[in-house]
């Protein structure tokens, strides 16, 4: 499985990449520091060989350049079937109704480690 990760906090991104690669050995994960870079990465691989395309996207909600909400809207236009998980440090903030359908799951950042251990495997 190929995963695209959009997260603007370097230390958290490094931790997530390490945890996913340790838990799921055959998984390739590419990290981009904002939604705009993640969108460009996704576009560069769309329609190319199987080894390049992404099967799954994990995105932070609030990032510079482009938010996770805007990233999801753009990805949905390119590939409506791509599963997208949104994580956020602001658990109280509601998703706008026009974007809620874009996400398979919305999880608090505080739950990301148990989510990797238990829920991520359901997408394989």
PDB file of N, CA and C in Angstrom:
ATOM      1  N   UNK A   1       0.844  -1.173   0.000  1.00  0.00           N
ATOM      2  CA  UNK A   1       0.000   0.000   0.000  1.00  0.00           C
ATOM      3  C   UNK A   1       0.889   1.236   0.000  1.00  0.00           C
ATOM      4  N   UNK A   2       0.480   2.229  -0.749  1.00  0.00           N
ATOM      5  CA  UNK A   2       1.182   3.505  -0.806  1.00  0.00           C
ATOM      6  C   UNK A   2       0.340   4.574  -0.126  1.00  0.00           C
ATOM      7  N   UNK A   3       0.927   5.226   0.873  1.00  0.00           N
ATOM      8  CA  UNK A   3       0.219   6.234   1.663  1.00  0.00           C
ATOM      9  C   UNK A   3       0.876   7.585   1.461  1.00  0.00           C
ATOM     10  N   UNK A   4       0.050   8.612   1.286  1.00  0.00           N
ATOM     11  CA  UNK A   4       0.508   9.984   1.229  1.00  0.00           C
ATOM     12  C   UNK A   4       0.114  10.655   2.540  1.00  0.00           C
ATOM     13  N   UNK A   5       1.087  11.237   3.217  1.00  0.00           N
ATOM     14  CA  UNK A   5       0.876  11.904   4.502  1.00  0.00           C
ATOM     15  C   UNK A   5       1.105  13.396   4.341  1.00  0.00           C
ATOM     16  N   UNK A   6       0.134  14.214   4.719  1.00  0.00           N
ATOM     17  CA  UNK A   6       0.273  15.674   4.718  1.00  0.00           C
ATOM     18  C   UNK A   6       0.224  16.141   6.172  1.00  0.00           C
ATOM     19  N   UNK A   7       1.347  16.625   6.666  1.00  0.00           N
ATOM     20  CA  UNK A   7       1.466  17.050   8.071  1.00  0.00           C
ATOM     21  C   UNK A   7       2.558  18.110   8.162  1.00  0.00           C
ATOM     22  N   UNK A   8       2.247  19.239   8.794  1.00  0.00           N
ATOM     23  CA  UNK A   8       3.209  20.341   8.836  1.00  0.00           C
ATOM     24  C   UNK A   8       4.142  20.316  10.041  1.00  0.00           C
ATOM     25  N   UNK A   9       3.947  19.405  10.965  1.00  0.00           N
ATOM     26  CA  UNK A   9       4.835  19.296  12.124  1.00  0.00           C
ATOM     27  C   UNK A   9       5.839  18.178  11.865  1.00  0.00           C
ATOM     28  N   UNK A  10       7.099  18.558  11.656  1.00  0.00           N
ATOM     29  CA  UNK A  10       8.139  17.598  11.267  1.00  0.00           C
ATOM     30  C   UNK A  10       8.272  16.419  12.222  1.00  0.00           C
ATOM     31  N   UNK A  11       8.340  16.702  13.528  1.00  0.00           N
ATOM     32  CA  UNK A  11       8.533  15.625  14.506  1.00  0.00           C
ATOM     33  C   UNK A  11       7.376  14.633  14.490  1.00  0.00           C
ATOM     34  N   UNK A  12       6.161  15.145  14.377  1.00  0.00           N
ATOM     35  CA  UNK A  12       4.996  14.259  14.333  1.00  0.00           C
ATOM     36  C   UNK A  12       5.002  13.436  13.044  1.00  0.00           C
ATOM     37  N   UNK A  13       5.327  14.074  11.940  1.00  0.00           N
ATOM     38  CA  UNK A  13       5.388  13.346  10.665  1.00  0.00           C
ATOM     39  C   UNK A  13       6.437  12.238  10.728  1.00  0.00           C
ATOM     40  N   UNK A  14       7.611  12.544  11.280  1.00  0.00           N
ATOM     41  CA  UNK A  14       8.659  11.521  11.406  1.00  0.00           C
ATOM     42  C   UNK A  14       8.185  10.341  12.246  1.00  0.00           C
ATOM     43  N   UNK A  15       7.492  10.632  13.340  1.00  0.00           N
ATOM     44  CA  UNK A  15       6.975   9.580  14.214  1.00  0.00           C
ATOM     45  C   UNK A  15       5.951   8.719  13.476  1.00  0.00           C
ATOM     46  N   UNK A  16       5.041   9.343  12.770  1.00  0.00           N
ATOM     47  CA  UNK A  16       3.989   8.610  12.064  1.00  0.00           C
ATOM     48  C   UNK A  16       4.584   7.738  10.960  1.00  0.00           C
ATOM     49  N   UNK A  17       5.517   8.289  10.202  1.00  0.00           N
ATOM     50  CA  UNK A  17       6.170   7.511   9.145  1.00  0.00           C
ATOM     51  C   UNK A  17       6.855   6.287   9.754  1.00  0.00           C
ATOM     52  N   UNK A  18       7.598   6.498  10.845  1.00  0.00           N
ATOM     53  CA  UNK A  18       8.295   5.391  11.489  1.00  0.00           C
ATOM     54  C   UNK A  18       7.305   4.333  11.998  1.00  0.00           C
ATOM     55  N   UNK A  19       6.238   4.762  12.661  1.00  0.00           N
ATOM     56  CA  UNK A  19       5.259   3.809  13.202  1.00  0.00           C
ATOM     57  C   UNK A  19       4.581   3.005  12.102  1.00  0.00           C
ATOM     58  N   UNK A  20       4.192   3.670  11.028  1.00  0.00           N
ATOM     59  CA  UNK A  20       3.512   2.958   9.949  1.00  0.00           C
ATOM     60  C   UNK A  20       4.468   1.982   9.272  1.00  0.00           C
ATOM     61  N   UNK A  21       5.689   2.409   9.000  1.00  0.00           N
ATOM     62  CA  UNK A  21       6.640   1.516   8.338  1.00  0.00           C
ATOM     63  C   UNK A  21       7.060   0.359   9.235  1.00  0.00           C
ATOM     64  N   UNK A  22       7.088   0.571  10.543  1.00  0.00           N
ATOM     65  CA  UNK A  22       7.423  -0.496  11.480  1.00  0.00           C
ATOM     66  C   UNK A  22       6.277  -1.496  11.611  1.00  0.00           C
ATOM     67  N   UNK A  23       5.055  -0.996  11.621  1.00  0.00           N
ATOM     68  CA  UNK A  23       3.883  -1.844  11.803  1.00  0.00           C
ATOM     69  C   UNK A  23       3.477  -2.555  10.514  1.00  0.00           C
ATOM     70  N   UNK A  24       3.590  -1.859   9.402  1.00  0.00           N
ATOM     71  CA  UNK A  24       3.161  -2.387   8.103  1.00  0.00           C
ATOM     72  C   UNK A  24       4.363  -2.355   7.157  1.00  0.00           C
ATOM     73  N   UNK A  25       5.135  -3.419   7.165  1.00  0.00           N
ATOM     74  CA  UNK A  25       6.443  -3.466   6.498  1.00  0.00           C
ATOM     75  C   UNK A  25       6.381  -3.234   4.996  1.00  0.00           C
ATOM     76  N   UNK A  26       5.322  -3.633   4.343  1.00  0.00           N
ATOM     77  CA  UNK A  26       5.237  -3.504   2.891  1.00  0.00           C
ATOM     78  C   UNK A  26       4.597  -2.188   2.454  1.00  0.00           C
ATOM     79  N   UNK A  27       4.494  -1.241   3.360  1.00  0.00           N
ATOM     80  CA  UNK A  27       3.855   0.034   3.065  1.00  0.00           C
ATOM     81  C   UNK A  27       4.889   1.099   2.739  1.00  0.00           C
ATOM     82  N   UNK A  28       4.627   1.814   1.657  1.00  0.00           N
ATOM     83  CA  UNK A  28       5.442   2.972   1.294  1.00  0.00           C
ATOM     84  C   UNK A  28       4.672   4.201   1.747  1.00  0.00           C
ATOM     85  N   UNK A  29       5.323   5.096   2.472  1.00  0.00           N
ATOM     86  CA  UNK A  29       4.672   6.319   2.915  1.00  0.00           C
ATOM     87  C   UNK A  29       5.532   7.509   2.514  1.00  0.00           C
ATOM     88  N   UNK A  30       4.883   8.481   1.878  1.00  0.00           N
ATOM     89  CA  UNK A  30       5.554   9.709   1.459  1.00  0.00           C
ATOM     90  C   UNK A  30       4.954  10.857   2.248  1.00  0.00           C
ATOM     91  N   UNK A  31       5.818  11.655   2.860  1.00  0.00           N
ATOM     92  CA  UNK A  31       5.385  12.778   3.684  1.00  0.00           C
ATOM     93  C   UNK A  31       5.607  14.096   2.949  1.00  0.00           C
ATOM     94  N   UNK A  32       4.594  14.954   3.009  1.00  0.00           N
ATOM     95  CA  UNK A  32       4.686  16.313   2.480  1.00  0.00           C
ATOM     96  C   UNK A  32       4.256  17.283   3.585  1.00  0.00           C
ATOM     97  N   UNK A  33       4.939  18.443   3.704  1.00  0.00           N
ATOM     98  CA  UNK A  33       4.718  19.341   4.838  1.00  0.00           C
ATOM     99  C   UNK A  33       3.497  20.252   4.743  1.00  0.00           C
ATOM    100  N   UNK A  34       2.754  20.172   3.648  1.00  0.00           N
ATOM    101  CA  UNK A  34       1.534  20.982   3.555  1.00  0.00           C
ATOM    102  C   UNK A  34       0.635  20.400   2.465  1.00  0.00           C
ATOM    103  N   UNK A  35      -0.593  20.887   2.432  1.00  0.00           N
ATOM    104  CA  UNK A  35      -1.571  20.363   1.488  1.00  0.00           C
ATOM    105  C   UNK A  35      -1.216  20.615   0.038  1.00  0.00           C
ATOM    106  N   UNK A  36      -0.631  21.768  -0.254  1.00  0.00           N
ATOM    107  CA  UNK A  36      -0.272  22.084  -1.630  1.00  0.00           C
ATOM    108  C   UNK A  36       0.795  21.136  -2.163  1.00  0.00           C
ATOM    109  N   UNK A  37       1.834  20.888  -1.368  1.00  0.00           N
ATOM    110  CA  UNK A  37       2.869  19.930  -1.782  1.00  0.00           C
ATOM    111  C   UNK A  37       2.299  18.520  -1.923  1.00  0.00           C
ATOM    112  N   UNK A  38       1.382  18.148  -1.029  1.00  0.00           N
ATOM    113  CA  UNK A  38       0.757  16.823  -1.110  1.00  0.00           C
ATOM    114  C   UNK A  38      -0.082  16.700  -2.380  1.00  0.00           C
ATOM    115  N   UNK A  39      -0.812  17.752  -2.724  1.00  0.00           N
ATOM    116  CA  UNK A  39      -1.621  17.730  -3.946  1.00  0.00           C
ATOM    117  C   UNK A  39      -0.728  17.585  -5.173  1.00  0.00           C
ATOM    118  N   UNK A  40       0.357  18.320  -5.223  1.00  0.00           N
ATOM    119  CA  UNK A  40       1.279  18.220  -6.359  1.00  0.00           C
ATOM    120  C   UNK A  40       1.889  16.818  -6.448  1.00  0.00           C
ATOM    121  N   UNK A  41       2.239  16.241  -5.307  1.00  0.00           N
ATOM    122  CA  UNK A  41       2.778  14.872  -5.289  1.00  0.00           C
ATOM    123  C   UNK A  41       1.735  13.886  -5.820  1.00  0.00           C
ATOM    124  N   UNK A  42       0.500  14.021  -5.365  1.00  0.00           N
ATOM    125  CA  UNK A  42      -0.571  13.127  -5.809  1.00  0.00           C
ATOM    126  C   UNK A  42      -0.777  13.256  -7.315  1.00  0.00           C
ATOM    127  N   UNK A  43      -0.814  14.488  -7.808  1.00  0.00           N
ATOM    128  CA  UNK A  43      -0.999  14.717  -9.246  1.00  0.00           C
ATOM    129  C   UNK A  43       0.146  14.119 -10.056  1.00  0.00           C
ATOM    130  N   UNK A  44       1.366  14.221  -9.534  1.00  0.00           N
ATOM    131  CA  UNK A  44       2.520  13.716 -10.280  1.00  0.00           C
ATOM    132  C   UNK A  44       2.480  12.199 -10.437  1.00  0.00           C
ATOM    133  N   UNK A  45       1.766  11.524  -9.563  1.00  0.00           N
ATOM    134  CA  UNK A  45       1.684  10.057  -9.605  1.00  0.00           C
ATOM    135  C   UNK A  45       0.380   9.546 -10.202  1.00  0.00           C
ATOM    136  N   UNK A  46      -0.603  10.402 -10.346  1.00  0.00           N
ATOM    137  CA  UNK A  46      -1.915   9.962 -10.840  1.00  0.00           C
ATOM    138  C   UNK A  46      -1.794   9.406 -12.247  1.00  0.00           C
ATOM    139  N   UNK A  47      -2.311   8.230 -12.432  1.00  0.00           N
ATOM    140  CA  UNK A  47      -2.337   7.620 -13.743  1.00  0.00           C
ATOM    141  C   UNK A  47      -1.022   7.000 -14.186  1.00  0.00           C
ATOM    142  N   UNK A  48      -0.018   7.019 -13.326  1.00  0.00           N
ATOM    143  CA  UNK A  48       1.261   6.428 -13.684  1.00  0.00           C
ATOM    144  C   UNK A  48       1.309   4.983 -13.224  1.00  0.00           C
ATOM    145  N   UNK A  49       2.468   4.384 -13.301  1.00  0.00           N
ATOM    146  CA  UNK A  49       2.621   2.985 -12.906  1.00  0.00           C
ATOM    147  C   UNK A  49       2.091   2.739 -11.506  1.00  0.00           C
ATOM    148  N   UNK A  50       1.678   1.531 -11.259  1.00  0.00           N
ATOM    149  CA  UNK A  50       1.093   1.128  -9.977  1.00  0.00           C
ATOM    150  C   UNK A  50       2.002   1.455  -8.796  1.00  0.00           C
ATOM    151  N   UNK A  51       3.301   1.387  -8.974  1.00  0.00           N
ATOM    152  CA  UNK A  51       4.231   1.650  -7.889  1.00  0.00           C
ATOM    153  C   UNK A  51       4.252   3.083  -7.423  1.00  0.00           C
ATOM    154  N   UNK A  52       3.687   3.987  -8.197  1.00  0.00           N
ATOM    155  CA  UNK A  52       3.727   5.410  -7.855  1.00  0.00           C
ATOM    156  C   UNK A  52       2.411   5.897  -7.252  1.00  0.00           C
ATOM    157  N   UNK A  53       1.291   5.374  -7.699  1.00  0.00           N
ATOM    158  CA  UNK A  53      -0.013   5.859  -7.261  1.00  0.00           C
ATOM    159  C   UNK A  53      -0.257   5.641  -5.781  1.00  0.00           C
ATOM    160  N   UNK A  54      -1.092   6.489  -5.205  1.00  0.00           N
ATOM    161  CA  UNK A  54      -1.398   6.395  -3.779  1.00  0.00           C
ATOM    162  C   UNK A  54      -2.723   5.687  -3.566  1.00  0.00           C
ATOM    163  N   UNK A  55      -2.741   4.856  -2.520  1.00  0.00           N
ATOM    164  CA  UNK A  55      -3.935   4.096  -2.159  1.00  0.00           C
ATOM    165  C   UNK A  55      -4.709   4.758  -1.036  1.00  0.00           C
ATOM    166  N   UNK A  56      -4.073   5.687  -0.356  1.00  0.00           N
ATOM    167  CA  UNK A  56      -4.633   6.191   0.904  1.00  0.00           C
ATOM    168  C   UNK A  56      -3.963   7.517   1.240  1.00  0.00           C
ATOM    169  N   UNK A  57      -4.711   8.449   1.826  1.00  0.00           N
ATOM    170  CA  UNK A  57      -4.161   9.744   2.232  1.00  0.00           C
ATOM    171  C   UNK A  57      -4.519  10.009   3.690  1.00  0.00           C
ATOM    172  N   UNK A  58      -3.529  10.467   4.448  1.00  0.00           N
ATOM    173  CA  UNK A  58      -3.738  10.938   5.815  1.00  0.00           C
ATOM    174  C   UNK A  58      -3.338  12.403   5.815  1.00  0.00           C
ATOM    175  N   UNK A  59      -4.216  13.273   6.292  1.00  0.00           N
ATOM    176  CA  UNK A  59      -3.910  14.696   6.275  1.00  0.00           C
ATOM    177  C   UNK A  59      -4.263  15.378   7.586  1.00  0.00           C
ATOM    178  N   UNK A  60      -3.422  16.317   7.954  1.00  0.00           N
ATOM    179  CA  UNK A  60      -3.705  17.221   9.056  1.00  0.00           C
ATOM    180  C   UNK A  60      -4.781  18.193   8.571  1.00  0.00           C
ATOM    181  N   UNK A  61      -5.519  18.766   9.496  1.00  0.00           N
ATOM    182  CA  UNK A  61      -6.547  19.724   9.112  1.00  0.00           C
ATOM    183  C   UNK A  61      -5.947  21.098   8.828  1.00  0.00           C
ATOM    184  N   UNK A  62      -5.168  21.606   9.768  1.00  0.00           N
ATOM    185  CA  UNK A  62      -4.637  22.966   9.654  1.00  0.00           C
ATOM    186  C   UNK A  62      -3.164  22.929   9.276  1.00  0.00           C
ATOM    187  N   UNK A  63      -2.875  23.429   8.068  1.00  0.00           N
ATOM    188  CA  UNK A  63      -1.504  23.479   7.564  1.00  0.00           C
ATOM    189  C   UNK A  63      -1.328  24.765   6.764  1.00  0.00           C
ATOM    190  N   UNK A  64      -0.076  25.210   6.614  1.00  0.00           N
ATOM    191  CA  UNK A  64       0.164  26.364   5.745  1.00  0.00           C
ATOM    192  C   UNK A  64      -0.023  25.973   4.272  1.00  0.00           C
ATOM    193  N   UNK A  65      -0.152  26.952   3.439  1.00  0.00           N
ATOM    194  CA  UNK A  65      -0.268  26.783   1.980  1.00  0.00           C
ATOM    195  C   UNK A  65      -1.639  26.250   1.556  1.00  0.00           C
ATOM    196  N   UNK A  66      -2.069  25.128   2.131  1.00  0.00           N
ATOM    197  CA  UNK A  66      -3.375  24.548   1.809  1.00  0.00           C
ATOM    198  C   UNK A  66      -3.802  23.656   2.968  1.00  0.00           C
ATOM    199  N   UNK A  67      -5.019  23.849   3.432  1.00  0.00           N
ATOM    200  CA  UNK A  67      -5.530  23.055   4.562  1.00  0.00           C
ATOM    201  C   UNK A  67      -5.859  21.634   4.118  1.00  0.00           C
ATOM    202  N   UNK A  68      -6.043  20.769   5.108  1.00  0.00           N
ATOM    203  CA  UNK A  68      -6.462  19.408   4.821  1.00  0.00           C
ATOM    204  C   UNK A  68      -7.838  19.343   4.178  1.00  0.00           C
ATOM    205  N   UNK A  69      -8.707  20.292   4.530  1.00  0.00           N
ATOM    206  CA  UNK A  69     -10.043  20.340   3.923  1.00  0.00           C
ATOM    207  C   UNK A  69      -9.938  20.662   2.436  1.00  0.00           C
ATOM    208  N   UNK A  70      -9.114  21.664   2.104  1.00  0.00           N
ATOM    209  CA  UNK A  70      -8.933  22.023   0.695  1.00  0.00           C
ATOM    210  C   UNK A  70      -8.223  20.908  -0.070  1.00  0.00           C
ATOM    211  N   UNK A  71      -7.260  20.266   0.572  1.00  0.00           N
ATOM    212  CA  UNK A  71      -6.577  19.136  -0.053  1.00  0.00           C
ATOM    213  C   UNK A  71      -7.581  18.043  -0.391  1.00  0.00           C
ATOM    214  N   UNK A  72      -8.446  17.704   0.559  1.00  0.00           N
ATOM    215  CA  UNK A  72      -9.441  16.647   0.329  1.00  0.00           C
ATOM    216  C   UNK A  72     -10.378  17.004  -0.820  1.00  0.00           C
ATOM    217  N   UNK A  73     -10.800  18.253  -0.894  1.00  0.00           N
ATOM    218  CA  UNK A  73     -11.687  18.669  -1.993  1.00  0.00           C
ATOM    219  C   UNK A  73     -10.989  18.490  -3.343  1.00  0.00           C
ATOM    220  N   UNK A  74      -9.726  18.880  -3.414  1.00  0.00           N
ATOM    221  CA  UNK A  74      -8.968  18.737  -4.657  1.00  0.00           C
ATOM    222  C   UNK A  74      -8.704  17.276  -5.013  1.00  0.00           C
ATOM    223  N   UNK A  75      -8.351  16.466  -4.010  1.00  0.00           N
ATOM    224  CA  UNK A  75      -8.114  15.045  -4.260  1.00  0.00           C
ATOM    225  C   UNK A  75      -9.385  14.348  -4.735  1.00  0.00           C
ATOM    226  N   UNK A  76     -10.513  14.733  -4.163  1.00  0.00           N
ATOM    227  CA  UNK A  76     -11.790  14.136  -4.539  1.00  0.00           C
ATOM    228  C   UNK A  76     -12.127  14.410  -6.002  1.00  0.00           C
ATOM    229  N   UNK A  77     -11.733  15.570  -6.496  1.00  0.00           N
ATOM    230  CA  UNK A  77     -11.954  15.883  -7.911  1.00  0.00           C
ATOM    231  C   UNK A  77     -11.076  15.009  -8.811  1.00  0.00           C
ATOM    232  N   UNK A  78      -9.875  14.706  -8.336  1.00  0.00           N
ATOM    233  CA  UNK A  78      -8.950  13.878  -9.124  1.00  0.00           C
ATOM    234  C   UNK A  78      -9.281  12.394  -9.036  1.00  0.00           C
ATOM    235  N   UNK A  79      -9.668  11.946  -7.835  1.00  0.00           N
ATOM    236  CA  UNK A  79      -9.952  10.521  -7.612  1.00  0.00           C
ATOM    237  C   UNK A  79     -10.939  10.383  -6.460  1.00  0.00           C
ATOM    238  N   UNK A  80     -12.233  10.356  -6.777  1.00  0.00           N
ATOM    239  CA  UNK A  80     -13.253  10.272  -5.715  1.00  0.00           C
ATOM    240  C   UNK A  80     -13.189   8.999  -4.879  1.00  0.00           C
ATOM    241  N   UNK A  81     -12.466   7.998  -5.346  1.00  0.00           N
ATOM    242  CA  UNK A  81     -12.410   6.734  -4.608  1.00  0.00           C
ATOM    243  C   UNK A  81     -11.276   6.693  -3.582  1.00  0.00           C
ATOM    244  N   UNK A  82     -10.399   7.683  -3.546  1.00  0.00           N
ATOM    245  CA  UNK A  82      -9.248   7.640  -2.637  1.00  0.00           C
ATOM    246  C   UNK A  82      -9.716   7.820  -1.189  1.00  0.00           C
ATOM    247  N   UNK A  83      -9.391   6.882  -0.307  1.00  0.00           N
ATOM    248  CA  UNK A  83      -9.747   7.047   1.104  1.00  0.00           C
ATOM    249  C   UNK A  83      -8.869   8.137   1.743  1.00  0.00           C
ATOM    250  N   UNK A  84      -9.515   9.053   2.442  1.00  0.00           N
ATOM    251  CA  UNK A  84      -8.805  10.146   3.111  1.00  0.00           C
ATOM    252  C   UNK A  84      -9.199  10.144   4.579  1.00  0.00           C
ATOM    253  N   UNK A  85      -8.181  10.181   5.449  1.00  0.00           N
ATOM    254  CA  UNK A  85      -8.407  10.306   6.887  1.00  0.00           C
ATOM    255  C   UNK A  85      -7.886  11.670   7.308  1.00  0.00           C
ATOM    256  N   UNK A  86      -8.711  12.383   8.038  1.00  0.00           N
ATOM    257  CA  UNK A  86      -8.344  13.702   8.557  1.00  0.00           C
ATOM    258  C   UNK A  86      -8.023  13.558  10.032  1.00  0.00           C
ATOM    259  N   UNK A  87      -6.891  14.126  10.438  1.00  0.00           N
ATOM    260  CA  UNK A  87      -6.618  14.182  11.861  1.00  0.00           C
ATOM    261  C   UNK A  87      -6.496  15.628  12.272  1.00  0.00           C
ATOM    262  N   UNK A  88      -6.853  15.892  13.505  1.00  0.00           N
ATOM    263  CA  UNK A  88      -6.899  17.269  13.956  1.00  0.00           C
ATOM    264  C   UNK A  88      -6.570  17.361  15.433  1.00  0.00           C
ATOM    265  N   UNK A  89      -5.953  18.460  15.820  1.00  0.00           N
ATOM    266  CA  UNK A  89      -5.690  18.699  17.239  1.00  0.00           C
ATOM    267  C   UNK A  89      -6.841  19.473  17.870  1.00  0.00           C
ATOM    268  N   UNK A  90      -7.753  19.971  17.043  1.00  0.00           N
ATOM    269  CA  UNK A  90      -8.907  20.720  17.540  1.00  0.00           C
ATOM    270  C   UNK A  90     -10.151  19.852  17.435  1.00  0.00           C
ATOM    271  N   UNK A  91     -10.398  19.062  18.470  1.00  0.00           N
ATOM    272  CA  UNK A  91     -11.507  18.105  18.459  1.00  0.00           C
ATOM    273  C   UNK A  91     -12.876  18.772  18.523  1.00  0.00           C
ATOM    274  N   UNK A  92     -12.927  20.025  18.929  1.00  0.00           N
ATOM    275  CA  UNK A  92     -14.206  20.708  19.091  1.00  0.00           C
ATOM    276  C   UNK A  92     -14.696  21.345  17.789  1.00  0.00           C
ATOM    277  N   UNK A  93     -13.796  21.555  16.848  1.00  0.00           N
ATOM    278  CA  UNK A  93     -14.149  22.235  15.611  1.00  0.00           C
ATOM    279  C   UNK A  93     -14.894  21.286  14.675  1.00  0.00           C
ATOM    280  N   UNK A  94     -16.088  21.679  14.276  1.00  0.00           N
ATOM    281  CA  UNK A  94     -16.905  20.861  13.385  1.00  0.00           C
ATOM    282  C   UNK A  94     -16.419  20.993  11.943  1.00  0.00           C
ATOM    283  N   UNK A  95     -16.596  19.929  11.177  1.00  0.00           N
ATOM    284  CA  UNK A  95     -16.307  20.003   9.754  1.00  0.00           C
ATOM    285  C   UNK A  95     -17.446  20.725   9.049  1.00  0.00           C
ATOM    286  N   UNK A  96     -17.123  21.554   8.069  1.00  0.00           N
ATOM    287  CA  UNK A  96     -18.197  22.150   7.272  1.00  0.00           C
ATOM    288  C   UNK A  96     -18.995  21.034   6.584  1.00  0.00           C
ATOM    289  N   UNK A  97     -20.309  21.149   6.532  1.00  0.00           N
ATOM    290  CA  UNK A  97     -21.137  20.084   5.949  1.00  0.00           C
ATOM    291  C   UNK A  97     -20.724  19.706   4.529  1.00  0.00           C
ATOM    292  N   UNK A  98     -20.228  20.655   3.760  1.00  0.00           N
ATOM    293  CA  UNK A  98     -19.861  20.372   2.367  1.00  0.00           C
ATOM    294  C   UNK A  98     -18.564  19.573   2.250  1.00  0.00           C
ATOM    295  N   UNK A  99     -17.824  19.391   3.351  1.00  0.00           N
ATOM    296  CA  UNK A  99     -16.581  18.617   3.279  1.00  0.00           C
ATOM    297  C   UNK A  99     -16.611  17.327   4.095  1.00  0.00           C
ATOM    298  N   UNK A 100     -17.567  17.167   4.977  1.00  0.00           N
ATOM    299  CA  UNK A 100     -17.601  16.001   5.874  1.00  0.00           C
ATOM    300  C   UNK A 100     -17.605  14.680   5.106  1.00  0.00           C
ATOM    301  N   UNK A 101     -18.275  14.631   3.968  1.00  0.00           N
ATOM    302  CA  UNK A 101     -18.376  13.384   3.187  1.00  0.00           C
ATOM    303  C   UNK A 101     -17.050  12.977   2.534  1.00  0.00           C
ATOM    304  N   UNK A 102     -16.081  13.859   2.514  1.00  0.00           N
ATOM    305  CA  UNK A 102     -14.806  13.574   1.845  1.00  0.00           C
ATOM    306  C   UNK A 102     -13.898  12.656   2.656  1.00  0.00           C
ATOM    307  N   UNK A 103     -14.208  12.487   3.947  1.00  0.00           N
ATOM    308  CA  UNK A 103     -13.309  11.766   4.841  1.00  0.00           C
ATOM    309  C   UNK A 103     -13.894  10.439   5.286  1.00  0.00           C
ATOM    310  N   UNK A 104     -13.055   9.390   5.242  1.00  0.00           N
ATOM    311  CA  UNK A 104     -13.455   8.090   5.766  1.00  0.00           C
ATOM    312  C   UNK A 104     -13.541   8.138   7.285  1.00  0.00           C
ATOM    313  N   UNK A 105     -12.613   8.883   7.872  1.00  0.00           N
ATOM    314  CA  UNK A 105     -12.588   9.036   9.327  1.00  0.00           C
ATOM    315  C   UNK A 105     -12.010  10.396   9.673  1.00  0.00           C
ATOM    316  N   UNK A 106     -12.420  10.908  10.819  1.00  0.00           N
ATOM    317  CA  UNK A 106     -11.811  12.096  11.416  1.00  0.00           C
ATOM    318  C   UNK A 106     -11.369  11.675  12.806  1.00  0.00           C
ATOM    319  N   UNK A 107     -10.068  11.821  13.074  1.00  0.00           N
ATOM    320  CA  UNK A 107      -9.552  11.355  14.359  1.00  0.00           C
ATOM    321  C   UNK A 107      -8.740  12.452  15.038  1.00  0.00           C
ATOM    322  N   UNK A 108      -8.804  12.497  16.354  1.00  0.00           N
ATOM    323  CA  UNK A 108      -7.955  13.451  17.087  1.00  0.00           C
ATOM    324  C   UNK A 108      -6.497  12.999  17.035  1.00  0.00           C
ATOM    325  N   UNK A 109      -5.608  13.952  16.981  1.00  0.00           N
ATOM    326  CA  UNK A 109      -4.178  13.615  16.940  1.00  0.00           C
ATOM    327  C   UNK A 109      -3.765  12.797  18.162  1.00  0.00           C
ATOM    328  N   UNK A 110      -4.425  13.013  19.270  1.00  0.00           N
ATOM    329  CA  UNK A 110      -4.079  12.255  20.479  1.00  0.00           C
ATOM    330  C   UNK A 110      -4.358  10.766  20.327  1.00  0.00           C
ATOM    331  N   UNK A 111      -5.171  10.389  19.344  1.00  0.00           N
ATOM    332  CA  UNK A 111      -5.522   8.980  19.121  1.00  0.00           C
ATOM    333  C   UNK A 111      -4.772   8.345  17.955  1.00  0.00           C
ATOM    334  N   UNK A 112      -3.805   9.041  17.380  1.00  0.00           N
ATOM    335  CA  UNK A 112      -3.183   8.547  16.151  1.00  0.00           C
ATOM    336  C   UNK A 112      -2.413   7.243  16.359  1.00  0.00           C
ATOM    337  N   UNK A 113      -1.722   7.090  17.481  1.00  0.00           N
ATOM    338  CA  UNK A 113      -0.945   5.859  17.682  1.00  0.00           C
ATOM    339  C   UNK A 113      -1.867   4.651  17.825  1.00  0.00           C
ATOM    340  N   UNK A 114      -2.902   4.703  18.668  1.00  0.00           N
ATOM    341  CA  UNK A 114      -3.813   3.547  18.700  1.00  0.00           C
ATOM    342  C   UNK A 114      -4.526   3.324  17.362  1.00  0.00           C
ATOM    343  N   UNK A 115      -4.811   4.401  16.644  1.00  0.00           N
ATOM    344  CA  UNK A 115      -5.464   4.268  15.341  1.00  0.00           C
ATOM    345  C   UNK A 115      -4.561   3.502  14.365  1.00  0.00           C
ATOM    346  N   UNK A 116      -3.268   3.818  14.346  1.00  0.00           N
ATOM    347  CA  UNK A 116      -2.330   3.095  13.477  1.00  0.00           C
ATOM    348  C   UNK A 116      -2.310   1.620  13.858  1.00  0.00           C
ATOM    349  N   UNK A 117      -2.294   1.338  15.148  1.00  0.00           N
ATOM    350  CA  UNK A 117      -2.235  -0.050  15.618  1.00  0.00           C
ATOM    351  C   UNK A 117      -3.497  -0.849  15.307  1.00  0.00           C
ATOM    352  N   UNK A 118      -4.653  -0.194  15.326  1.00  0.00           N
ATOM    353  CA  UNK A 118      -5.902  -0.947  15.217  1.00  0.00           C
ATOM    354  C   UNK A 118      -6.711  -0.682  13.962  1.00  0.00           C
ATOM    355  N   UNK A 119      -6.845   0.557  13.545  1.00  0.00           N
ATOM    356  CA  UNK A 119      -7.765   0.893  12.458  1.00  0.00           C
ATOM    357  C   UNK A 119      -7.119   0.963  11.081  1.00  0.00           C
ATOM    358  N   UNK A 120      -5.872   1.375  10.999  1.00  0.00           N
ATOM    359  CA  UNK A 120      -5.246   1.525   9.681  1.00  0.00           C
ATOM    360  C   UNK A 120      -5.280   0.233   8.889  1.00  0.00           C
ATOM    361  N   UNK A 121      -5.095  -0.893   9.570  1.00  0.00           N
ATOM    362  CA  UNK A 121      -5.064  -2.183   8.862  1.00  0.00           C
ATOM    363  C   UNK A 121      -6.379  -2.492   8.149  1.00  0.00           C
ATOM    364  N   UNK A 122      -7.473  -1.879   8.559  1.00  0.00           N
ATOM    365  CA  UNK A 122      -8.752  -2.123   7.888  1.00  0.00           C
ATOM    366  C   UNK A 122      -8.785  -1.556   6.477  1.00  0.00           C
ATOM    367  N   UNK A 123      -7.837  -0.690   6.138  1.00  0.00           N
ATOM    368  CA  UNK A 123      -7.779  -0.105   4.796  1.00  0.00           C
ATOM    369  C   UNK A 123      -6.887  -0.921   3.849  1.00  0.00           C
ATOM    370  N   UNK A 124      -6.276  -1.962   4.355  1.00  0.00           N
ATOM    371  CA  UNK A 124      -5.392  -2.782   3.518  1.00  0.00           C
ATOM    372  C   UNK A 124      -6.187  -3.868   2.824  1.00  0.00           C
TER     373      UNK A 124
END
